[in-house]
Amino acid sequence: MSGTDIVSATPITADDLLRASSLPALETRILLMHVLGWRRTELITRGDQALDAAPVAAYRALETRRAAGEPIAQLVGTREFFGLDFDVTPDVLIPRPDTELLVETALAALEGIAQPRVLDLGTGSGAIAVAIASARPDARVWAVDRSPGALGVATRNAAKLLDAARPGSALTFIESSWYDALDAALRFDVIVSNPPYIASGDPHLEQGDLRFEPRGALTDEADGLSALRTIVDGAPARLVPGGVLWMEHGYDQAAAVRALLDARGFTEVASKQDLASIERISGGRFAG
């Protein structure tokens, strides 16, 4: 038997793969748990267990892809957001913790409103719409996106994560560019959006996870404010009297977005900071 045969026959364990990986330990554990179907405690209690060749090969393929920059969420197909596990594909933005502030703010605005109506513009994976619908089972929620691929992911997430018998009924998904395909008679208590707000040419578009996410969900290919302008301009005709609009935006766009809201007659215009003390969302109330 050759030396090569001896090496190839040596059992490989999860501990071996953890020690040998060039990835951060947390990322290695996530990929191993995904491939093996183990919980984190099992990586400890079964770490010295010999693995079959197939999961070892599957892990190494994912490790190579991650080393090339592919996002962990796309490799394992899920990302936790607002306590829910959302399916993620290259068709949608990866839900991020910063966006939970938008959900929390929307839910606060819905307090005291029975059977509220909510509109999520540019829903992507459905993270915002589904999180709101999960926390407020009585809410009627409409979710809009221009991407059929994104709407497919959002629809699957809603079916997976929401009670089919919720009082607010199933979410309504609509393929549309912002408000265009909505029934003209619809009015909402809250409109929320995490639109494309990165300016064209911003170097962040060529860095990290953003390289693998849908470009059209990241940038307006202009100054970063065009989608936000469209949303603000169209909101008054879509809100009930006293309804509110809240939008996520870039780290340096809060003042500009507040100015847009002021110009369209919104009151109580404000911005809120995320966990990094960055003004991450802005919104206001439309008196009608």
C-alpha atoms as a PDB file:
ATOM      1  CA  MET A   1       0.000   0.000   0.000  1.00  0.00           C
ATOM      2  CA  SER A   2       1.381   3.378  -0.953  1.00  0.00           C
ATOM      3  CA  GLY A   3       1.786   6.342   1.368  1.00  0.00           C
ATOM      4  CA  THR A   4      -0.949   8.106  -0.578  1.00  0.00           C
ATOM      5  CA  ASP A   5      -3.345   5.237   0.080  1.00  0.00           C
ATOM      6  CA  ILE A   6      -2.578   5.374   3.803  1.00  0.00           C
ATOM      7  CA  VAL A   7      -3.258   9.113   3.942  1.00  0.00           C
ATOM      8  CA  SER A   8      -6.486   8.848   1.957  1.00  0.00           C
ATOM      9  CA  ALA A   9      -7.731   6.063   4.233  1.00  0.00           C
ATOM     10  CA  THR A  10      -7.158   8.071   7.423  1.00  0.00           C
ATOM     11  CA  PRO A  11     -10.529   8.901   9.030  1.00  0.00           C
ATOM     12  CA  ILE A  12     -11.457  12.585   8.978  1.00  0.00           C
ATOM     13  CA  THR A  13     -13.410  14.130  11.829  1.00  0.00           C
ATOM     14  CA  ALA A  14     -15.217  17.405  12.361  1.00  0.00           C
ATOM     15  CA  ASP A  15     -12.409  18.381  14.733  1.00  0.00           C
ATOM     16  CA  ASP A  16      -9.913  17.805  11.918  1.00  0.00           C
ATOM     17  CA  LEU A  17     -11.870  20.040   9.570  1.00  0.00           C
ATOM     18  CA  LEU A  18     -12.180  22.757  12.198  1.00  0.00           C
ATOM     19  CA  ARG A  19      -8.453  22.747  12.883  1.00  0.00           C
ATOM     20  CA  ALA A  20      -7.480  22.714   9.214  1.00  0.00           C
ATOM     21  CA  SER A  21      -9.863  25.410   7.968  1.00  0.00           C
ATOM     22  CA  SER A  22      -8.565  28.837   6.986  1.00  0.00           C
ATOM     23  CA  LEU A  23     -12.004  30.303   7.664  1.00  0.00           C
ATOM     24  CA  PRO A  24     -12.970  31.936  10.959  1.00  0.00           C
ATOM     25  CA  ALA A  25     -13.982  29.265  13.458  1.00  0.00           C
ATOM     26  CA  LEU A  26     -17.592  30.453  13.623  1.00  0.00           C
ATOM     27  CA  GLU A  27     -18.013  30.209   9.859  1.00  0.00           C
ATOM     28  CA  THR A  28     -16.473  26.739   9.833  1.00  0.00           C
ATOM     29  CA  ARG A  29     -18.891  25.601  12.531  1.00  0.00           C
ATOM     30  CA  ILE A  30     -21.878  27.002  10.638  1.00  0.00           C
ATOM     31  CA  LEU A  31     -20.884  25.182   7.454  1.00  0.00           C
ATOM     32  CA  LEU A  32     -20.227  21.936   9.303  1.00  0.00           C
ATOM     33  CA  MET A  33     -23.559  22.087  11.121  1.00  0.00           C
ATOM     34  CA  HIS A  34     -25.275  22.694   7.790  1.00  0.00           C
ATOM     35  CA  VAL A  35     -23.580  19.799   6.003  1.00  0.00           C
ATOM     36  CA  LEU A  36     -23.794  17.317   8.886  1.00  0.00           C
ATOM     37  CA  GLY A  37     -27.213  18.339  10.161  1.00  0.00           C
ATOM     38  CA  TRP A  38     -25.752  18.652  13.663  1.00  0.00           C
ATOM     39  CA  ARG A  39     -26.453  21.134  16.419  1.00  0.00           C
ATOM     40  CA  ARG A  40     -23.575  23.120  17.872  1.00  0.00           C
ATOM     41  CA  THR A  41     -23.396  20.846  20.931  1.00  0.00           C
ATOM     42  CA  GLU A  42     -22.893  17.886  18.621  1.00  0.00           C
ATOM     43  CA  LEU A  43     -19.782  19.502  17.169  1.00  0.00           C
ATOM     44  CA  ILE A  44     -18.400  19.181  20.694  1.00  0.00           C
ATOM     45  CA  THR A  45     -19.747  15.784  21.676  1.00  0.00           C
ATOM     46  CA  ARG A  46     -19.211  14.136  18.275  1.00  0.00           C
ATOM     47  CA  GLY A  47     -16.230  16.141  17.066  1.00  0.00           C
ATOM     48  CA  ASP A  48     -13.916  13.102  17.084  1.00  0.00           C
ATOM     49  CA  GLN A  49     -16.341  10.889  15.166  1.00  0.00           C
ATOM     50  CA  ALA A  50     -15.117   9.669  11.766  1.00  0.00           C
ATOM     51  CA  LEU A  51     -17.093  11.203   8.908  1.00  0.00           C
ATOM     52  CA  ASP A  52     -18.157   9.657   5.624  1.00  0.00           C
ATOM     53  CA  ALA A  53     -16.502  10.918   2.454  1.00  0.00           C
ATOM     54  CA  ALA A  54     -19.650  12.595   1.089  1.00  0.00           C
ATOM     55  CA  PRO A  55     -20.163  15.176   3.879  1.00  0.00           C
ATOM     56  CA  VAL A  56     -16.426  15.864   3.971  1.00  0.00           C
ATOM     57  CA  ALA A  57     -16.478  16.612   0.239  1.00  0.00           C
ATOM     58  CA  ALA A  58     -19.630  18.732   0.620  1.00  0.00           C
ATOM     59  CA  TYR A  59     -18.057  20.740   3.417  1.00  0.00           C
ATOM     60  CA  ARG A  60     -14.846  21.316   1.478  1.00  0.00           C
ATOM     61  CA  ALA A  61     -16.815  22.547  -1.540  1.00  0.00           C
ATOM     62  CA  LEU A  62     -18.647  25.076   0.635  1.00  0.00           C
ATOM     63  CA  GLU A  63     -15.397  26.061   2.350  1.00  0.00           C
ATOM     64  CA  THR A  64     -13.855  26.831  -1.041  1.00  0.00           C
ATOM     65  CA  ARG A  65     -16.837  28.908  -2.093  1.00  0.00           C
ATOM     66  CA  ARG A  66     -16.800  30.838   1.185  1.00  0.00           C
ATOM     67  CA  ALA A  67     -13.076  31.482   0.834  1.00  0.00           C
ATOM     68  CA  ALA A  68     -13.899  33.006  -2.574  1.00  0.00           C
ATOM     69  CA  GLY A  69     -16.300  35.402  -0.865  1.00  0.00           C
ATOM     70  CA  GLU A  70     -19.758  33.854  -1.240  1.00  0.00           C
ATOM     71  CA  PRO A  71     -22.008  34.840   1.675  1.00  0.00           C
ATOM     72  CA  ILE A  72     -22.595  32.295   4.422  1.00  0.00           C
ATOM     73  CA  ALA A  73     -26.349  32.880   4.179  1.00  0.00           C
ATOM     74  CA  GLN A  74     -26.390  31.902   0.515  1.00  0.00           C
ATOM     75  CA  LEU A  75     -24.215  28.850   1.146  1.00  0.00           C
ATOM     76  CA  VAL A  76     -26.493  27.449   3.855  1.00  0.00           C
ATOM     77  CA  GLY A  77     -29.670  28.910   2.349  1.00  0.00           C
ATOM     78  CA  THR A  78     -31.024  30.617   5.474  1.00  0.00           C
ATOM     79  CA  ARG A  79     -30.587  33.679   7.671  1.00  0.00           C
ATOM     80  CA  GLU A  80     -32.217  34.461  11.012  1.00  0.00           C
ATOM     81  CA  PHE A  81     -34.123  37.752  11.184  1.00  0.00           C
ATOM     82  CA  PHE A  82     -36.403  38.948  13.971  1.00  0.00           C
ATOM     83  CA  GLY A  83     -36.337  35.464  15.493  1.00  0.00           C
ATOM     84  CA  LEU A  84     -37.413  33.753  12.248  1.00  0.00           C
ATOM     85  CA  ASP A  85     -35.334  31.614   9.872  1.00  0.00           C
ATOM     86  CA  PHE A  86     -35.729  32.987   6.346  1.00  0.00           C
ATOM     87  CA  ASP A  87     -34.792  31.163   3.170  1.00  0.00           C
ATOM     88  CA  VAL A  88     -32.169  33.103   1.211  1.00  0.00           C
ATOM     89  CA  THR A  89     -31.094  32.808  -2.425  1.00  0.00           C
ATOM     90  CA  PRO A  90     -29.053  35.017  -4.775  1.00  0.00           C
ATOM     91  CA  ASP A  91     -32.397  36.550  -5.870  1.00  0.00           C
ATOM     92  CA  VAL A  92     -32.742  38.514  -2.633  1.00  0.00           C
ATOM     93  CA  LEU A  93     -30.828  40.686  -0.216  1.00  0.00           C
ATOM     94  CA  ILE A  94     -29.592  38.887   2.879  1.00  0.00           C
ATOM     95  CA  PRO A  95     -31.666  40.080   5.861  1.00  0.00           C
ATOM     96  CA  ARG A  96     -29.505  42.090   8.236  1.00  0.00           C
ATOM     97  CA  PRO A  97     -29.887  42.927  11.936  1.00  0.00           C
ATOM     98  CA  ASP A  98     -29.940  46.683  11.228  1.00  0.00           C
ATOM     99  CA  THR A  99     -33.242  46.261   9.387  1.00  0.00           C
ATOM    100  CA  GLU A 100     -34.907  44.892  12.528  1.00  0.00           C
ATOM    101  CA  LEU A 101     -35.130  48.531  13.638  1.00  0.00           C
ATOM    102  CA  LEU A 102     -37.529  49.154  10.751  1.00  0.00           C
ATOM    103  CA  VAL A 103     -39.742  46.263  11.878  1.00  0.00           C
ATOM    104  CA  GLU A 104     -39.703  47.418  15.510  1.00  0.00           C
ATOM    105  CA  THR A 105     -40.649  50.950  14.489  1.00  0.00           C
ATOM    106  CA  ALA A 106     -43.473  49.763  12.250  1.00  0.00           C
ATOM    107  CA  LEU A 107     -44.866  47.564  15.017  1.00  0.00           C
ATOM    108  CA  ALA A 108     -44.778  50.482  17.441  1.00  0.00           C
ATOM    109  CA  ALA A 109     -46.742  52.582  14.927  1.00  0.00           C
ATOM    110  CA  LEU A 110     -49.365  49.821  14.685  1.00  0.00           C
ATOM    111  CA  GLU A 111     -50.054  49.713  18.407  1.00  0.00           C
ATOM    112  CA  GLY A 112     -53.691  50.438  19.157  1.00  0.00           C
ATOM    113  CA  ILE A 113     -54.798  49.940  15.538  1.00  0.00           C
ATOM    114  CA  ALA A 114     -57.109  46.964  15.046  1.00  0.00           C
ATOM    115  CA  GLN A 115     -56.610  44.938  11.865  1.00  0.00           C
ATOM    116  CA  PRO A 116     -54.073  47.391  10.428  1.00  0.00           C
ATOM    117  CA  ARG A 117     -53.051  47.493   6.796  1.00  0.00           C
ATOM    118  CA  VAL A 118     -49.336  47.443   6.023  1.00  0.00           C
ATOM    119  CA  LEU A 119     -47.437  47.857   2.758  1.00  0.00           C
ATOM    120  CA  ASP A 120     -43.853  46.655   2.309  1.00  0.00           C
ATOM    121  CA  LEU A 121     -42.231  48.118  -0.807  1.00  0.00           C
ATOM    122  CA  GLY A 122     -39.336  46.138  -2.292  1.00  0.00           C
ATOM    123  CA  THR A 123     -39.975  43.111  -0.097  1.00  0.00           C
ATOM    124  CA  GLY A 124     -37.090  40.936  -1.321  1.00  0.00           C
ATOM    125  CA  SER A 125     -36.998  37.828   0.873  1.00  0.00           C
ATOM    126  CA  GLY A 126     -40.154  39.017   2.609  1.00  0.00           C
ATOM    127  CA  ALA A 127     -38.250  39.514   5.864  1.00  0.00           C
ATOM    128  CA  ILE A 128     -39.905  42.809   6.850  1.00  0.00           C
ATOM    129  CA  ALA A 129     -43.412  41.858   5.754  1.00  0.00           C
ATOM    130  CA  VAL A 130     -43.314  38.396   7.308  1.00  0.00           C
ATOM    131  CA  ALA A 131     -41.777  39.640  10.557  1.00  0.00           C
ATOM    132  CA  ILE A 132     -44.547  42.244  10.914  1.00  0.00           C
ATOM    133  CA  ALA A 133     -47.228  39.700  10.016  1.00  0.00           C
ATOM    134  CA  SER A 134     -45.810  37.236  12.529  1.00  0.00           C
ATOM    135  CA  ALA A 135     -45.821  39.784  15.351  1.00  0.00           C
ATOM    136  CA  ARG A 136     -49.246  41.142  14.373  1.00  0.00           C
ATOM    137  CA  PRO A 137     -51.368  38.185  13.243  1.00  0.00           C
ATOM    138  CA  ASP A 138     -54.362  40.478  12.695  1.00  0.00           C
ATOM    139  CA  ALA A 139     -52.529  42.727  10.221  1.00  0.00           C
ATOM    140  CA  ARG A 140     -53.311  42.665   6.514  1.00  0.00           C
ATOM    141  CA  VAL A 141     -49.971  42.896   4.746  1.00  0.00           C
ATOM    142  CA  TRP A 142     -49.221  43.644   1.109  1.00  0.00           C
ATOM    143  CA  ALA A 143     -45.670  43.067  -0.167  1.00  0.00           C
ATOM    144  CA  VAL A 144     -44.394  44.426  -3.478  1.00  0.00           C
ATOM    145  CA  ASP A 145     -41.305  43.642  -5.529  1.00  0.00           C
ATOM    146  CA  ARG A 146     -40.442  44.010  -9.200  1.00  0.00           C
ATOM    147  CA  SER A 147     -38.415  40.778  -9.205  1.00  0.00           C
ATOM    148  CA  PRO A 148     -40.333  37.528  -9.834  1.00  0.00           C
ATOM    149  CA  GLY A 149     -37.435  35.604  -8.304  1.00  0.00           C
ATOM    150  CA  ALA A 150     -37.584  37.633  -5.113  1.00  0.00           C
ATOM    151  CA  LEU A 151     -41.354  37.233  -4.884  1.00  0.00           C
ATOM    152  CA  GLY A 152     -40.934  33.470  -5.183  1.00  0.00           C
ATOM    153  CA  VAL A 153     -38.575  33.468  -2.195  1.00  0.00           C
ATOM    154  CA  ALA A 154     -40.860  35.790  -0.206  1.00  0.00           C
ATOM    155  CA  THR A 155     -43.906  33.647  -0.907  1.00  0.00           C
ATOM    156  CA  ARG A 156     -42.098  30.517   0.290  1.00  0.00           C
ATOM    157  CA  ASN A 157     -40.961  32.291   3.455  1.00  0.00           C
ATOM    158  CA  ALA A 158     -44.488  33.443   4.234  1.00  0.00           C
ATOM    159  CA  ALA A 159     -45.851  29.924   3.754  1.00  0.00           C
ATOM    160  CA  LYS A 160     -43.103  28.455   5.927  1.00  0.00           C
ATOM    161  CA  LEU A 161     -43.123  30.962   8.767  1.00  0.00           C
ATOM    162  CA  LEU A 162     -46.712  32.175   9.160  1.00  0.00           C
ATOM    163  CA  ASP A 163     -49.744  30.402  10.565  1.00  0.00           C
ATOM    164  CA  ALA A 164     -52.080  29.712   7.667  1.00  0.00           C
ATOM    165  CA  ALA A 165     -55.027  30.494   9.945  1.00  0.00           C
ATOM    166  CA  ARG A 166     -53.774  33.929  11.041  1.00  0.00           C
ATOM    167  CA  PRO A 167     -56.640  36.445  11.326  1.00  0.00           C
ATOM    168  CA  GLY A 168     -54.999  38.798   8.840  1.00  0.00           C
ATOM    169  CA  SER A 169     -55.063  36.017   6.235  1.00  0.00           C
ATOM    170  CA  ALA A 170     -52.238  35.245   3.827  1.00  0.00           C
ATOM    171  CA  LEU A 171     -49.893  37.999   2.705  1.00  0.00           C
ATOM    172  CA  THR A 172     -50.656  39.562  -0.664  1.00  0.00           C
ATOM    173  CA  PHE A 173     -47.618  39.557  -2.953  1.00  0.00           C
ATOM    174  CA  ILE A 174     -47.636  41.794  -6.014  1.00  0.00           C
ATOM    175  CA  GLU A 175     -45.106  42.114  -8.827  1.00  0.00           C
ATOM    176  CA  SER A 176     -44.770  45.845  -9.235  1.00  0.00           C
ATOM    177  CA  SER A 177     -42.382  48.765  -9.486  1.00  0.00           C
ATOM    178  CA  TRP A 178     -43.222  50.465  -6.207  1.00  0.00           C
ATOM    179  CA  TYR A 179     -46.885  51.563  -6.192  1.00  0.00           C
ATOM    180  CA  ASP A 180     -47.603  51.033  -9.894  1.00  0.00           C
ATOM    181  CA  ALA A 181     -49.579  47.764  -9.795  1.00  0.00           C
ATOM    182  CA  LEU A 182     -51.417  48.358  -6.514  1.00  0.00           C
ATOM    183  CA  ASP A 183     -55.187  48.731  -6.504  1.00  0.00           C
ATOM    184  CA  ALA A 184     -55.801  52.485  -6.601  1.00  0.00           C
ATOM    185  CA  ALA A 185     -58.321  52.228  -3.758  1.00  0.00           C
ATOM    186  CA  LEU A 186     -55.924  50.671  -1.243  1.00  0.00           C
ATOM    187  CA  ARG A 187     -54.858  52.782   1.725  1.00  0.00           C
ATOM    188  CA  PHE A 188     -52.421  51.763   4.461  1.00  0.00           C
ATOM    189  CA  ASP A 189     -51.796  52.555   8.111  1.00  0.00           C
ATOM    190  CA  VAL A 190     -48.055  51.946   7.712  1.00  0.00           C
ATOM    191  CA  ILE A 191     -45.770  51.841   4.689  1.00  0.00           C
ATOM    192  CA  VAL A 192     -42.265  50.464   5.142  1.00  0.00           C
ATOM    193  CA  SER A 193     -39.404  49.995   2.728  1.00  0.00           C
ATOM    194  CA  ASN A 194     -35.772  48.993   2.529  1.00  0.00           C
ATOM    195  CA  PRO A 195     -35.143  50.205  -1.033  1.00  0.00           C
ATOM    196  CA  PRO A 196     -31.933  50.336  -3.079  1.00  0.00           C
ATOM    197  CA  TYR A 197     -30.088  53.321  -1.628  1.00  0.00           C
ATOM    198  CA  ILE A 198     -26.403  52.830  -2.470  1.00  0.00           C
ATOM    199  CA  ALA A 199     -25.183  55.376  -4.997  1.00  0.00           C
ATOM    200  CA  SER A 200     -23.815  54.195  -8.321  1.00  0.00           C
ATOM    201  CA  GLY A 201     -20.047  53.843  -8.164  1.00  0.00           C
ATOM    202  CA  ASP A 202     -19.928  53.344  -4.398  1.00  0.00           C
ATOM    203  CA  PRO A 203     -16.928  51.048  -3.746  1.00  0.00           C
ATOM    204  CA  HIS A 204     -18.954  48.988  -1.230  1.00  0.00           C
ATOM    205  CA  LEU A 205     -20.808  47.427  -4.171  1.00  0.00           C
ATOM    206  CA  GLU A 206     -17.625  45.573  -5.081  1.00  0.00           C
ATOM    207  CA  GLN A 207     -16.832  44.407  -1.559  1.00  0.00           C
ATOM    208  CA  GLY A 208     -17.876  41.553   0.722  1.00  0.00           C
ATOM    209  CA  ASP A 209     -21.312  39.959   0.498  1.00  0.00           C
ATOM    210  CA  LEU A 210     -22.662  42.766  -1.696  1.00  0.00           C
ATOM    211  CA  ARG A 211     -20.794  41.324  -4.682  1.00  0.00           C
ATOM    212  CA  PHE A 212     -23.116  38.313  -4.598  1.00  0.00           C
ATOM    213  CA  GLU A 213     -26.436  40.039  -3.872  1.00  0.00           C
ATOM    214  CA  PRO A 214     -28.822  41.376  -6.555  1.00  0.00           C
ATOM    215  CA  ARG A 215     -27.428  44.700  -7.695  1.00  0.00           C
ATOM    216  CA  GLY A 216     -30.867  46.102  -8.422  1.00  0.00           C
ATOM    217  CA  ALA A 217     -31.808  45.684  -4.764  1.00  0.00           C
ATOM    218  CA  LEU A 218     -28.692  47.555  -3.640  1.00  0.00           C
ATOM    219  CA  THR A 219     -28.283  50.561  -5.912  1.00  0.00           C
ATOM    220  CA  ASP A 220     -30.564  52.829  -7.916  1.00  0.00           C
ATOM    221  CA  GLU A 221     -27.669  53.333 -10.373  1.00  0.00           C
ATOM    222  CA  ALA A 222     -27.959  57.049  -9.568  1.00  0.00           C
ATOM    223  CA  ASP A 223     -27.437  59.190  -6.476  1.00  0.00           C
ATOM    224  CA  GLY A 224     -28.859  56.629  -4.039  1.00  0.00           C
ATOM    225  CA  LEU A 225     -31.961  58.730  -3.359  1.00  0.00           C
ATOM    226  CA  SER A 226     -34.126  58.127  -6.447  1.00  0.00           C
ATOM    227  CA  ALA A 227     -36.052  55.156  -5.013  1.00  0.00           C
ATOM    228  CA  LEU A 228     -36.490  56.971  -1.709  1.00  0.00           C
ATOM    229  CA  ARG A 229     -37.878  60.011  -3.584  1.00  0.00           C
ATOM    230  CA  THR A 230     -40.359  57.833  -5.469  1.00  0.00           C
ATOM    231  CA  ILE A 231     -41.543  56.186  -2.264  1.00  0.00           C
ATOM    232  CA  VAL A 232     -41.954  59.484  -0.418  1.00  0.00           C
ATOM    233  CA  ASP A 233     -43.703  61.169  -3.360  1.00  0.00           C
ATOM    234  CA  GLY A 234     -46.216  58.356  -3.749  1.00  0.00           C
ATOM    235  CA  ALA A 235     -46.909  57.731  -0.069  1.00  0.00           C
ATOM    236  CA  PRO A 236     -49.470  60.504   0.631  1.00  0.00           C
ATOM    237  CA  ALA A 237     -51.903  59.012  -1.881  1.00  0.00           C
ATOM    238  CA  ARG A 238     -51.508  55.592  -0.250  1.00  0.00           C
ATOM    239  CA  LEU A 239     -51.727  56.399   3.457  1.00  0.00           C
ATOM    240  CA  VAL A 240     -54.832  56.756   5.606  1.00  0.00           C
ATOM    241  CA  PRO A 241     -55.045  60.081   7.460  1.00  0.00           C
ATOM    242  CA  GLY A 242     -52.435  59.880  10.195  1.00  0.00           C
ATOM    243  CA  GLY A 243     -50.652  56.981   8.525  1.00  0.00           C
ATOM    244  CA  VAL A 244     -46.881  56.698   8.718  1.00  0.00           C
ATOM    245  CA  LEU A 245     -44.025  55.963   6.365  1.00  0.00           C
ATOM    246  CA  TRP A 246     -40.648  54.592   7.497  1.00  0.00           C
ATOM    247  CA  MET A 247     -37.690  53.785   5.238  1.00  0.00           C
ATOM    248  CA  GLU A 248     -34.211  52.390   5.676  1.00  0.00           C
ATOM    249  CA  HIS A 249     -31.409  54.397   4.053  1.00  0.00           C
ATOM    250  CA  GLY A 250     -27.650  54.824   3.920  1.00  0.00           C
ATOM    251  CA  TYR A 251     -25.457  55.935   6.795  1.00  0.00           C
ATOM    252  CA  ASP A 252     -25.130  59.472   5.381  1.00  0.00           C
ATOM    253  CA  GLN A 253     -28.612  59.985   3.935  1.00  0.00           C
ATOM    254  CA  ALA A 254     -30.770  60.756   6.984  1.00  0.00           C
ATOM    255  CA  ALA A 255     -30.813  64.538   6.516  1.00  0.00           C
ATOM    256  CA  ALA A 256     -31.627  64.225   2.823  1.00  0.00           C
ATOM    257  CA  VAL A 257     -34.484  61.791   3.500  1.00  0.00           C
ATOM    258  CA  ARG A 258     -35.914  64.018   6.233  1.00  0.00           C
ATOM    259  CA  ALA A 259     -35.878  66.876   3.725  1.00  0.00           C
ATOM    260  CA  LEU A 260     -37.827  64.743   1.244  1.00  0.00           C
ATOM    261  CA  LEU A 261     -40.432  63.970   3.904  1.00  0.00           C
ATOM    262  CA  ASP A 262     -40.705  67.622   4.957  1.00  0.00           C
ATOM    263  CA  ALA A 263     -41.202  68.695   1.357  1.00  0.00           C
ATOM    264  CA  ARG A 264     -44.163  66.325   0.943  1.00  0.00           C
ATOM    265  CA  GLY A 265     -45.925  67.583   4.036  1.00  0.00           C
ATOM    266  CA  PHE A 266     -45.087  64.846   6.514  1.00  0.00           C
ATOM    267  CA  THR A 267     -45.112  65.747  10.203  1.00  0.00           C
ATOM    268  CA  GLU A 268     -43.270  64.226  13.163  1.00  0.00           C
ATOM    269  CA  VAL A 269     -40.373  63.668  10.765  1.00  0.00           C
ATOM    270  CA  ALA A 270     -37.525  61.888  12.514  1.00  0.00           C
ATOM    271  CA  SER A 271     -34.619  59.486  12.126  1.00  0.00           C
ATOM    272  CA  LYS A 272     -33.660  56.577  14.366  1.00  0.00           C
ATOM    273  CA  GLN A 273     -30.255  55.115  15.095  1.00  0.00           C
ATOM    274  CA  ASP A 274     -29.271  51.485  14.743  1.00  0.00           C
ATOM    275  CA  LEU A 275     -27.107  49.565  17.225  1.00  0.00           C
ATOM    276  CA  ALA A 276     -24.012  51.223  15.777  1.00  0.00           C
ATOM    277  CA  SER A 277     -25.475  54.680  16.537  1.00  0.00           C
ATOM    278  CA  ILE A 278     -25.963  55.351  12.812  1.00  0.00           C
ATOM    279  CA  GLU A 279     -29.154  57.073  11.650  1.00  0.00           C
ATOM    280  CA  ARG A 280     -30.491  54.054   9.778  1.00  0.00           C
ATOM    281  CA  ILE A 281     -34.186  54.788   9.209  1.00  0.00           C
ATOM    282  CA  SER A 282     -36.268  57.919   8.713  1.00  0.00           C
ATOM    283  CA  GLY A 283     -39.984  58.494   8.579  1.00  0.00           C
ATOM    284  CA  GLY A 284     -42.942  60.656   9.392  1.00  0.00           C
ATOM    285  CA  ARG A 285     -46.716  60.906   9.657  1.00  0.00           C
ATOM    286  CA  PHE A 286     -49.041  62.135   6.941  1.00  0.00           C
ATOM    287  CA  ALA A 287     -51.956  64.124   8.348  1.00  0.00           C
ATOM    288  CA  GLY A 288     -54.031  63.797   5.196  1.00  0.00           C
END
